[in-house]
Amino acid sequence: MRMTEQAQGLRAHISRHVGRAFYPACKSDIEEPLSLIAPLVDEVVFCDPNDALAPAFSRWRSATKPRVTWLRKGAVEALEELGEFDVLFYRRDSDGEGGSRVFVLGDVFMRKLLPLFHNGRGLIITDGSNERGGLFRKMRRPSGLIRHGYSFSPIIEPTIEAAGLTPIAVQRLPGAV
């Protein structure tokens, strides 16, 4: 697959090695996320404890590039075995019935997630689901957000934005642990 100029621009915000994406609380949302992030990564780790993912996963597992992996766990438990990644893809979640009830864009989860970004940098591609404290709104501001030793800055990328998502560059600040 030939990488578009926009994808190359996004790729510049992640590590130079072939990347990995993590999509917690995905339910059976596979096809569109793969088409959106395929130019950026070599592997997408989908995460959901629900068996609803099984039929879709078996269909996509052998037929796609990037490689598709499924962690049959909740988002918090998945962090323990995930390892480093470059792109967090997260959308369409809630704290209501049928949702994960995990605030992936909240302070508690972010403190656990941020150290897993390869070389302290990467991308968040999200619709802002399950955020707390206005963090998503603050990340989207032109001035971005500094939190937990990382900077968050919005990136313009029409293909991703047309899908109702916002790409956000993540960078560990010098001296941050």
N, C-alpha and C. Protein backbone atom coordinates (compact mmCIF):
# COMPACT_ATOMS: atom_id res chain seq x y z
N MET A 1 0.84 -1.17 0.00
CA MET A 1 0.00 0.00 0.00
C MET A 1 0.89 1.24 0.00
N ARG A 2 0.62 2.16 -0.90
CA ARG A 2 1.42 3.38 -1.01
C ARG A 2 0.96 4.37 0.05
N MET A 3 1.90 4.92 0.77
CA MET A 3 1.58 5.83 1.84
C MET A 3 1.28 7.22 1.29
N THR A 4 0.15 7.80 1.66
CA THR A 4 -0.21 9.14 1.22
C THR A 4 0.68 10.17 1.91
N GLU A 5 0.72 11.39 1.36
CA GLU A 5 1.49 12.46 2.01
C GLU A 5 0.98 12.71 3.41
N GLN A 6 -0.35 12.67 3.59
CA GLN A 6 -0.91 12.91 4.92
C GLN A 6 -0.47 11.82 5.88
N ALA A 7 -0.49 10.57 5.44
CA ALA A 7 -0.05 9.49 6.30
C ALA A 7 1.42 9.64 6.63
N GLN A 8 2.23 10.08 5.67
CA GLN A 8 3.65 10.30 5.95
C GLN A 8 3.82 11.37 7.01
N GLY A 9 2.99 12.42 6.95
CA GLY A 9 3.05 13.47 7.95
C GLY A 9 2.70 12.96 9.33
N LEU A 10 1.67 12.13 9.42
CA LEU A 10 1.31 11.54 10.70
C LEU A 10 2.40 10.59 11.17
N ARG A 11 2.94 9.83 10.23
CA ARG A 11 4.00 8.87 10.56
C ARG A 11 5.20 9.58 11.18
N ALA A 12 5.45 10.82 10.76
CA ALA A 12 6.57 11.59 11.31
C ALA A 12 6.40 11.84 12.80
N HIS A 13 5.17 11.78 13.29
CA HIS A 13 4.92 12.02 14.71
C HIS A 13 5.08 10.76 15.55
N ILE A 14 5.23 9.62 14.91
CA ILE A 14 5.48 8.40 15.67
C ILE A 14 6.91 7.95 15.41
N SER A 15 7.29 6.91 16.05
CA SER A 15 8.66 6.42 15.92
C SER A 15 8.97 6.02 14.49
N ARG A 16 10.23 6.03 14.14
CA ARG A 16 10.63 5.72 12.77
C ARG A 16 10.51 4.23 12.45
N HIS A 17 10.48 3.38 13.48
CA HIS A 17 10.30 1.95 13.20
C HIS A 17 8.85 1.70 12.79
N VAL A 18 8.59 0.53 12.26
CA VAL A 18 7.23 0.17 11.88
C VAL A 18 6.40 0.10 13.15
N GLY A 19 5.28 0.78 13.16
CA GLY A 19 4.55 1.00 14.39
C GLY A 19 3.49 -0.03 14.73
N ARG A 20 2.97 0.17 15.92
CA ARG A 20 1.93 -0.67 16.49
C ARG A 20 0.82 0.23 16.99
N ALA A 21 -0.42 -0.16 16.76
CA ALA A 21 -1.56 0.60 17.26
C ALA A 21 -2.30 -0.23 18.30
N PHE A 22 -2.95 0.45 19.22
CA PHE A 22 -3.73 -0.17 20.29
C PHE A 22 -5.13 0.43 20.26
N TYR A 23 -6.15 -0.43 20.18
CA TYR A 23 -7.54 0.02 20.17
C TYR A 23 -8.27 -0.69 21.30
N PRO A 24 -8.33 -0.07 22.51
CA PRO A 24 -9.06 -0.67 23.63
C PRO A 24 -10.57 -0.49 23.47
N ALA A 25 -11.33 -1.40 24.07
CA ALA A 25 -12.79 -1.34 24.08
C ALA A 25 -13.36 -1.20 22.68
N CYS A 26 -12.88 -2.03 21.77
CA CYS A 26 -13.22 -1.89 20.35
C CYS A 26 -14.56 -2.50 19.96
N LYS A 27 -15.12 -3.39 20.79
CA LYS A 27 -16.31 -4.16 20.40
C LYS A 27 -15.98 -4.92 19.11
N SER A 28 -16.76 -4.72 18.04
CA SER A 28 -16.46 -5.39 16.77
C SER A 28 -16.11 -4.37 15.69
N ASP A 29 -15.61 -3.23 16.10
CA ASP A 29 -15.25 -2.13 15.20
C ASP A 29 -13.84 -2.37 14.65
N ILE A 30 -13.75 -3.04 13.50
CA ILE A 30 -12.45 -3.41 12.95
C ILE A 30 -12.20 -2.78 11.58
N GLU A 31 -13.14 -2.89 10.69
CA GLU A 31 -12.90 -2.54 9.29
C GLU A 31 -12.46 -1.09 9.08
N GLU A 32 -13.25 -0.13 9.55
CA GLU A 32 -12.88 1.28 9.32
C GLU A 32 -11.60 1.67 10.05
N PRO A 33 -11.41 1.27 11.32
CA PRO A 33 -10.13 1.59 11.96
C PRO A 33 -8.93 1.06 11.18
N LEU A 34 -9.04 -0.17 10.66
CA LEU A 34 -7.93 -0.71 9.87
C LEU A 34 -7.66 0.14 8.64
N SER A 35 -8.71 0.56 7.96
CA SER A 35 -8.49 1.36 6.75
C SER A 35 -7.88 2.72 7.08
N LEU A 36 -8.22 3.27 8.24
CA LEU A 36 -7.70 4.59 8.62
C LEU A 36 -6.24 4.54 9.07
N ILE A 37 -5.87 3.49 9.79
CA ILE A 37 -4.51 3.48 10.36
C ILE A 37 -3.54 2.53 9.69
N ALA A 38 -4.00 1.77 8.71
CA ALA A 38 -3.11 0.83 8.01
C ALA A 38 -1.85 1.49 7.47
N PRO A 39 -1.91 2.72 6.93
CA PRO A 39 -0.67 3.32 6.41
C PRO A 39 0.35 3.69 7.49
N LEU A 40 -0.08 3.66 8.75
CA LEU A 40 0.79 4.12 9.83
C LEU A 40 1.49 3.01 10.59
N VAL A 41 0.91 1.82 10.59
CA VAL A 41 1.40 0.78 11.49
C VAL A 41 1.51 -0.57 10.79
N ASP A 42 2.26 -1.46 11.41
CA ASP A 42 2.43 -2.82 10.93
C ASP A 42 1.53 -3.80 11.69
N GLU A 43 1.05 -3.37 12.87
CA GLU A 43 0.19 -4.23 13.69
C GLU A 43 -0.84 -3.38 14.41
N VAL A 44 -2.07 -3.90 14.49
CA VAL A 44 -3.12 -3.27 15.28
C VAL A 44 -3.55 -4.28 16.34
N VAL A 45 -3.46 -3.87 17.61
CA VAL A 45 -3.88 -4.71 18.72
C VAL A 45 -5.28 -4.25 19.14
N PHE A 46 -6.28 -5.05 18.80
CA PHE A 46 -7.65 -4.77 19.21
C PHE A 46 -7.86 -5.40 20.58
N CYS A 47 -8.60 -4.71 21.42
CA CYS A 47 -8.77 -5.18 22.79
C CYS A 47 -10.23 -5.07 23.19
N ASP A 48 -10.81 -6.19 23.58
CA ASP A 48 -12.16 -6.20 24.12
C ASP A 48 -12.40 -7.57 24.74
N PRO A 49 -12.99 -7.61 25.94
CA PRO A 49 -13.24 -8.91 26.57
C PRO A 49 -14.46 -9.63 26.02
N ASN A 50 -15.24 -8.94 25.21
CA ASN A 50 -16.50 -9.47 24.69
C ASN A 50 -16.26 -10.42 23.52
N ASP A 51 -16.98 -11.52 23.51
CA ASP A 51 -16.86 -12.49 22.42
C ASP A 51 -17.41 -12.00 21.09
N ALA A 52 -18.07 -10.84 21.09
CA ALA A 52 -18.63 -10.31 19.84
C ALA A 52 -17.54 -10.05 18.80
N LEU A 53 -16.32 -9.89 19.24
CA LEU A 53 -15.22 -9.62 18.33
C LEU A 53 -14.77 -10.88 17.59
N ALA A 54 -15.05 -12.05 18.13
CA ALA A 54 -14.52 -13.30 17.57
C ALA A 54 -14.83 -13.50 16.08
N PRO A 55 -16.08 -13.37 15.61
CA PRO A 55 -16.33 -13.59 14.18
C PRO A 55 -15.60 -12.59 13.29
N ALA A 56 -15.64 -11.33 13.67
CA ALA A 56 -14.96 -10.31 12.86
C ALA A 56 -13.46 -10.51 12.89
N PHE A 57 -12.94 -10.87 14.04
CA PHE A 57 -11.50 -11.05 14.18
C PHE A 57 -11.00 -12.19 13.30
N SER A 58 -11.71 -13.31 13.30
CA SER A 58 -11.24 -14.45 12.51
C SER A 58 -11.23 -14.11 11.02
N ARG A 59 -12.15 -13.27 10.57
CA ARG A 59 -12.21 -12.88 9.16
C ARG A 59 -11.03 -11.96 8.81
N TRP A 60 -10.69 -11.04 9.69
CA TRP A 60 -9.65 -10.05 9.38
C TRP A 60 -8.25 -10.53 9.71
N ARG A 61 -8.15 -11.47 10.60
CA ARG A 61 -6.85 -11.90 11.11
C ARG A 61 -5.87 -12.31 10.01
N SER A 62 -6.33 -13.09 9.06
CA SER A 62 -5.42 -13.61 8.05
C SER A 62 -5.45 -12.81 6.74
N ALA A 63 -6.40 -11.90 6.60
CA ALA A 63 -6.60 -11.25 5.31
C ALA A 63 -6.04 -9.83 5.22
N THR A 64 -5.36 -9.38 6.24
CA THR A 64 -4.99 -7.96 6.22
C THR A 64 -3.53 -7.70 6.48
N LYS A 65 -3.14 -6.57 6.02
CA LYS A 65 -1.94 -5.88 6.47
C LYS A 65 -2.47 -4.55 6.92
N PRO A 66 -2.26 -4.10 8.04
CA PRO A 66 -1.34 -4.61 9.05
C PRO A 66 -1.84 -5.90 9.72
N ARG A 67 -0.92 -6.51 10.44
CA ARG A 67 -1.26 -7.71 11.21
C ARG A 67 -2.29 -7.31 12.28
N VAL A 68 -3.22 -8.18 12.54
CA VAL A 68 -4.28 -7.92 13.51
C VAL A 68 -4.13 -8.89 14.68
N THR A 69 -4.14 -8.34 15.89
CA THR A 69 -4.05 -9.13 17.12
C THR A 69 -5.24 -8.77 18.00
N TRP A 70 -5.76 -9.75 18.72
CA TRP A 70 -6.88 -9.49 19.63
C TRP A 70 -6.47 -9.89 21.04
N LEU A 71 -6.58 -8.96 21.96
CA LEU A 71 -6.42 -9.26 23.38
C LEU A 71 -7.82 -9.35 23.96
N ARG A 72 -8.19 -10.52 24.41
CA ARG A 72 -9.53 -10.73 24.97
C ARG A 72 -9.50 -10.35 26.45
N LYS A 73 -9.37 -9.05 26.66
CA LYS A 73 -9.25 -8.51 28.02
C LYS A 73 -9.88 -7.13 28.05
N GLY A 74 -10.12 -6.66 29.27
CA GLY A 74 -10.52 -5.28 29.45
C GLY A 74 -9.32 -4.38 29.19
N ALA A 75 -9.58 -3.11 28.98
CA ALA A 75 -8.52 -2.15 28.63
C ALA A 75 -7.43 -2.07 29.69
N VAL A 76 -7.81 -2.04 30.96
CA VAL A 76 -6.83 -1.92 32.04
C VAL A 76 -5.95 -3.16 32.10
N GLU A 77 -6.56 -4.34 32.03
CA GLU A 77 -5.79 -5.59 32.07
C GLU A 77 -4.88 -5.73 30.85
N ALA A 78 -5.32 -5.25 29.72
CA ALA A 78 -4.52 -5.35 28.49
C ALA A 78 -3.21 -4.58 28.59
N LEU A 79 -3.21 -3.48 29.33
CA LEU A 79 -1.99 -2.68 29.46
C LEU A 79 -0.85 -3.49 30.06
N GLU A 80 -1.17 -4.46 30.90
CA GLU A 80 -0.14 -5.27 31.55
C GLU A 80 0.65 -6.13 30.57
N GLU A 81 0.04 -6.51 29.45
CA GLU A 81 0.77 -7.35 28.49
C GLU A 81 0.97 -6.69 27.13
N LEU A 82 0.48 -5.49 26.97
CA LEU A 82 0.54 -4.81 25.67
C LEU A 82 1.96 -4.52 25.21
N GLY A 83 2.79 -4.00 26.06
CA GLY A 83 4.11 -3.55 25.63
C GLY A 83 4.01 -2.21 24.94
N GLU A 84 5.09 -1.80 24.29
CA GLU A 84 5.13 -0.49 23.65
C GLU A 84 4.24 -0.44 22.41
N PHE A 85 3.74 0.75 22.13
CA PHE A 85 2.94 0.97 20.93
C PHE A 85 3.15 2.41 20.48
N ASP A 86 2.61 2.75 19.31
CA ASP A 86 2.83 4.07 18.72
C ASP A 86 1.55 4.87 18.52
N VAL A 87 0.42 4.20 18.35
CA VAL A 87 -0.84 4.87 18.06
C VAL A 87 -1.93 4.32 18.98
N LEU A 88 -2.62 5.21 19.68
CA LEU A 88 -3.82 4.84 20.42
C LEU A 88 -5.00 5.24 19.56
N PHE A 89 -5.81 4.27 19.18
CA PHE A 89 -7.04 4.52 18.43
C PHE A 89 -8.18 4.23 19.38
N TYR A 90 -9.10 5.21 19.55
CA TYR A 90 -10.14 5.03 20.56
C TYR A 90 -11.37 5.84 20.18
N ARG A 91 -12.50 5.15 20.05
CA ARG A 91 -13.74 5.85 19.71
C ARG A 91 -14.96 5.03 20.14
N ARG A 92 -16.12 5.73 20.11
CA ARG A 92 -17.43 5.10 20.31
C ARG A 92 -17.57 4.30 21.60
N ASP A 93 -16.99 4.78 22.67
CA ASP A 93 -17.11 4.10 23.95
C ASP A 93 -17.94 4.98 24.88
N SER A 94 -18.42 4.38 25.97
CA SER A 94 -19.20 5.14 26.94
C SER A 94 -19.06 4.51 28.31
N ASP A 95 -19.58 5.23 29.30
CA ASP A 95 -19.60 4.65 30.64
C ASP A 95 -20.98 4.08 30.95
N GLY A 96 -21.86 4.04 29.95
CA GLY A 96 -23.20 3.50 30.12
C GLY A 96 -23.27 2.03 29.76
N GLU A 97 -24.50 1.53 29.68
CA GLU A 97 -24.71 0.13 29.35
C GLU A 97 -24.12 -0.20 27.98
N GLY A 98 -23.34 -1.26 27.92
CA GLY A 98 -22.69 -1.65 26.68
C GLY A 98 -21.33 -1.01 26.46
N GLY A 99 -21.00 -0.02 27.26
CA GLY A 99 -19.69 0.64 27.15
C GLY A 99 -18.68 -0.01 28.07
N SER A 100 -17.43 0.37 27.93
CA SER A 100 -16.37 -0.23 28.75
C SER A 100 -16.36 0.29 30.18
N ARG A 101 -16.89 1.50 30.37
CA ARG A 101 -16.85 2.18 31.67
C ARG A 101 -15.42 2.46 32.11
N VAL A 102 -14.51 2.47 31.17
CA VAL A 102 -13.11 2.84 31.43
C VAL A 102 -12.88 4.19 30.77
N PHE A 103 -12.39 5.13 31.52
CA PHE A 103 -12.17 6.47 30.99
C PHE A 103 -10.77 6.54 30.39
N VAL A 104 -10.65 6.00 29.18
CA VAL A 104 -9.35 5.91 28.52
C VAL A 104 -8.70 7.28 28.38
N LEU A 105 -9.50 8.32 28.15
CA LEU A 105 -8.96 9.67 28.04
C LEU A 105 -9.05 10.42 29.36
N GLY A 106 -9.07 9.70 30.46
CA GLY A 106 -9.06 10.30 31.79
C GLY A 106 -7.69 10.16 32.42
N ASP A 107 -7.46 10.90 33.49
CA ASP A 107 -6.14 10.94 34.14
C ASP A 107 -5.64 9.58 34.62
N VAL A 108 -6.50 8.79 35.24
CA VAL A 108 -6.05 7.52 35.82
C VAL A 108 -5.52 6.58 34.74
N PHE A 109 -6.28 6.39 33.67
CA PHE A 109 -5.84 5.49 32.59
C PHE A 109 -4.64 6.07 31.86
N MET A 110 -4.66 7.39 31.60
CA MET A 110 -3.55 8.01 30.86
C MET A 110 -2.22 7.86 31.59
N ARG A 111 -2.23 7.93 32.90
CA ARG A 111 -0.97 7.75 33.65
C ARG A 111 -0.36 6.37 33.39
N LYS A 112 -1.20 5.37 33.21
CA LYS A 112 -0.72 4.01 32.93
C LYS A 112 -0.34 3.84 31.46
N LEU A 113 -1.06 4.53 30.59
CA LEU A 113 -0.90 4.37 29.15
C LEU A 113 0.31 5.11 28.59
N LEU A 114 0.52 6.35 29.00
CA LEU A 114 1.55 7.20 28.39
C LEU A 114 2.95 6.60 28.40
N PRO A 115 3.40 5.95 29.48
CA PRO A 115 4.75 5.37 29.45
C PRO A 115 4.93 4.25 28.42
N LEU A 116 3.84 3.74 27.86
CA LEU A 116 3.93 2.67 26.87
C LEU A 116 4.14 3.18 25.45
N PHE A 117 4.04 4.50 25.24
CA PHE A 117 4.32 5.04 23.91
C PHE A 117 5.80 4.83 23.61
N HIS A 118 6.09 4.18 22.48
CA HIS A 118 7.46 3.88 22.06
C HIS A 118 8.28 5.17 21.97
N ASN A 119 9.43 5.19 22.60
CA ASN A 119 10.32 6.35 22.62
C ASN A 119 9.63 7.62 23.10
N GLY A 120 8.57 7.47 23.89
CA GLY A 120 7.91 8.63 24.48
C GLY A 120 7.14 9.50 23.52
N ARG A 121 6.83 8.97 22.35
CA ARG A 121 6.06 9.77 21.38
C ARG A 121 5.11 8.89 20.59
N GLY A 122 4.06 9.52 20.08
CA GLY A 122 3.10 8.77 19.28
C GLY A 122 1.90 9.61 18.92
N LEU A 123 0.82 8.92 18.60
CA LEU A 123 -0.43 9.56 18.19
C LEU A 123 -1.59 9.00 18.98
N ILE A 124 -2.54 9.88 19.26
CA ILE A 124 -3.85 9.46 19.73
C ILE A 124 -4.82 9.84 18.62
N ILE A 125 -5.61 8.89 18.17
CA ILE A 125 -6.64 9.15 17.17
C ILE A 125 -7.96 8.79 17.84
N THR A 126 -8.81 9.80 18.07
CA THR A 126 -9.99 9.59 18.91
C THR A 126 -11.14 10.51 18.55
N ASP A 127 -12.32 10.11 19.01
CA ASP A 127 -13.50 10.98 18.92
C ASP A 127 -13.78 11.65 20.27
N GLY A 128 -12.94 11.39 21.26
CA GLY A 128 -13.11 12.00 22.58
C GLY A 128 -14.00 11.22 23.53
N SER A 129 -14.37 9.99 23.18
CA SER A 129 -15.22 9.17 24.05
C SER A 129 -14.60 9.01 25.43
N ASN A 130 -15.47 8.96 26.43
CA ASN A 130 -15.06 8.65 27.80
C ASN A 130 -13.90 9.49 28.32
N GLU A 131 -13.87 10.75 27.98
CA GLU A 131 -12.83 11.60 28.56
C GLU A 131 -13.35 12.21 29.86
N ARG A 132 -12.49 12.65 30.67
CA ARG A 132 -12.86 13.27 31.94
C ARG A 132 -12.08 14.57 32.11
N GLY A 133 -12.71 15.51 32.78
CA GLY A 133 -12.04 16.77 33.11
C GLY A 133 -11.76 17.66 31.92
N GLY A 134 -12.46 17.46 30.81
CA GLY A 134 -12.24 18.29 29.64
C GLY A 134 -10.90 18.06 28.96
N LEU A 135 -10.25 16.92 29.22
CA LEU A 135 -8.91 16.68 28.66
C LEU A 135 -8.92 16.66 27.13
N PHE A 136 -9.91 16.05 26.52
CA PHE A 136 -9.95 15.99 25.06
C PHE A 136 -10.09 17.39 24.47
N ARG A 137 -10.98 18.19 25.04
CA ARG A 137 -11.16 19.57 24.56
C ARG A 137 -9.84 20.34 24.68
N LYS A 138 -9.13 20.13 25.77
CA LYS A 138 -7.85 20.83 25.98
C LYS A 138 -6.77 20.32 25.02
N MET A 139 -6.76 19.03 24.74
CA MET A 139 -5.79 18.47 23.78
C MET A 139 -6.01 19.05 22.39
N ARG A 140 -7.26 19.35 22.05
CA ARG A 140 -7.61 19.84 20.71
C ARG A 140 -7.35 21.33 20.52
N ARG A 141 -7.12 22.06 21.59
CA ARG A 141 -6.85 23.50 21.45
C ARG A 141 -5.59 23.71 20.62
N PRO A 142 -5.50 24.83 19.90
CA PRO A 142 -4.26 25.12 19.15
C PRO A 142 -3.02 25.10 20.05
N SER A 143 -3.18 25.50 21.30
CA SER A 143 -2.04 25.50 22.23
C SER A 143 -1.80 24.12 22.83
N GLY A 144 -2.73 23.18 22.61
CA GLY A 144 -2.55 21.83 23.11
C GLY A 144 -2.69 21.73 24.62
N LEU A 145 -2.05 20.73 25.19
CA LEU A 145 -2.14 20.46 26.62
C LEU A 145 -0.83 19.86 27.08
N ILE A 146 -0.40 20.22 28.27
CA ILE A 146 0.74 19.55 28.91
C ILE A 146 0.19 18.89 30.17
N ARG A 147 0.42 17.58 30.28
CA ARG A 147 -0.12 16.81 31.41
C ARG A 147 0.72 15.57 31.60
N HIS A 148 1.00 15.23 32.85
CA HIS A 148 1.72 14.01 33.21
C HIS A 148 3.08 13.91 32.53
N GLY A 149 3.72 15.05 32.26
CA GLY A 149 5.04 15.04 31.63
C GLY A 149 5.03 14.85 30.13
N TYR A 150 3.88 15.03 29.49
CA TYR A 150 3.74 14.87 28.04
C TYR A 150 3.02 16.09 27.47
N SER A 151 3.35 16.40 26.21
CA SER A 151 2.59 17.43 25.50
C SER A 151 1.65 16.74 24.53
N PHE A 152 0.48 17.33 24.36
CA PHE A 152 -0.55 16.85 23.45
C PHE A 152 -0.88 17.99 22.50
N SER A 153 -0.75 17.75 21.20
CA SER A 153 -0.99 18.80 20.20
C SER A 153 -1.83 18.25 19.06
N PRO A 154 -2.87 18.99 18.65
CA PRO A 154 -3.69 18.52 17.54
C PRO A 154 -2.93 18.57 16.22
N ILE A 155 -3.26 17.65 15.33
CA ILE A 155 -2.66 17.59 14.00
C ILE A 155 -3.80 17.67 12.98
N ILE A 156 -3.57 18.35 11.90
CA ILE A 156 -4.58 18.42 10.84
C ILE A 156 -4.36 17.25 9.88
N GLU A 157 -5.39 16.44 9.70
CA GLU A 157 -5.32 15.31 8.78
C GLU A 157 -6.74 15.05 8.28
N PRO A 158 -7.07 15.53 7.08
CA PRO A 158 -8.45 15.49 6.59
C PRO A 158 -9.11 14.12 6.55
N THR A 159 -8.40 13.07 6.19
CA THR A 159 -9.02 11.75 6.10
C THR A 159 -9.51 11.28 7.46
N ILE A 160 -8.70 11.46 8.46
CA ILE A 160 -9.07 11.05 9.81
C ILE A 160 -10.17 11.96 10.35
N GLU A 161 -10.06 13.25 10.11
CA GLU A 161 -11.08 14.19 10.58
C GLU A 161 -12.43 13.93 9.90
N ALA A 162 -12.42 13.50 8.64
CA ALA A 162 -13.67 13.20 7.93
C ALA A 162 -14.41 12.02 8.58
N ALA A 163 -13.69 11.18 9.29
CA ALA A 163 -14.29 10.06 10.01
C ALA A 163 -14.76 10.47 11.41
N GLY A 164 -14.72 11.78 11.71
CA GLY A 164 -15.16 12.28 13.00
C GLY A 164 -14.15 12.10 14.11
N LEU A 165 -12.88 11.96 13.74
CA LEU A 165 -11.81 11.71 14.71
C LEU A 165 -10.81 12.85 14.69
N THR A 166 -10.07 12.98 15.78
CA THR A 166 -9.02 13.99 15.88
C THR A 166 -7.69 13.30 16.12
N PRO A 167 -6.68 13.55 15.28
CA PRO A 167 -5.34 13.04 15.57
C PRO A 167 -4.60 14.01 16.48
N ILE A 168 -3.98 13.47 17.51
CA ILE A 168 -3.26 14.27 18.50
C ILE A 168 -1.86 13.71 18.65
N ALA A 169 -0.85 14.56 18.46
CA ALA A 169 0.54 14.15 18.66
C ALA A 169 0.83 14.13 20.15
N VAL A 170 1.54 13.09 20.59
CA VAL A 170 1.93 12.93 21.99
C VAL A 170 3.45 12.92 22.03
N GLN A 171 4.03 13.70 22.94
CA GLN A 171 5.50 13.77 23.05
C GLN A 171 5.88 13.90 24.52
N ARG A 172 6.73 12.99 25.00
CA ARG A 172 7.24 13.11 26.37
C ARG A 172 8.13 14.33 26.45
N LEU A 173 7.98 15.11 27.49
CA LEU A 173 8.77 16.32 27.66
C LEU A 173 10.17 15.97 28.15
N PRO A 174 11.18 16.74 27.77
CA PRO A 174 12.54 16.49 28.25
C PRO A 174 12.56 16.48 29.79
N GLY A 175 13.22 15.51 30.34
CA GLY A 175 13.35 15.39 31.78
C GLY A 175 12.19 14.69 32.45
N ALA A 176 11.11 14.43 31.73
CA ALA A 176 9.96 13.72 32.31
C ALA A 176 10.30 12.24 32.41
N VAL A 177 9.81 11.63 33.46
CA VAL A 177 10.06 10.20 33.68
C VAL A 177 8.90 9.38 33.21
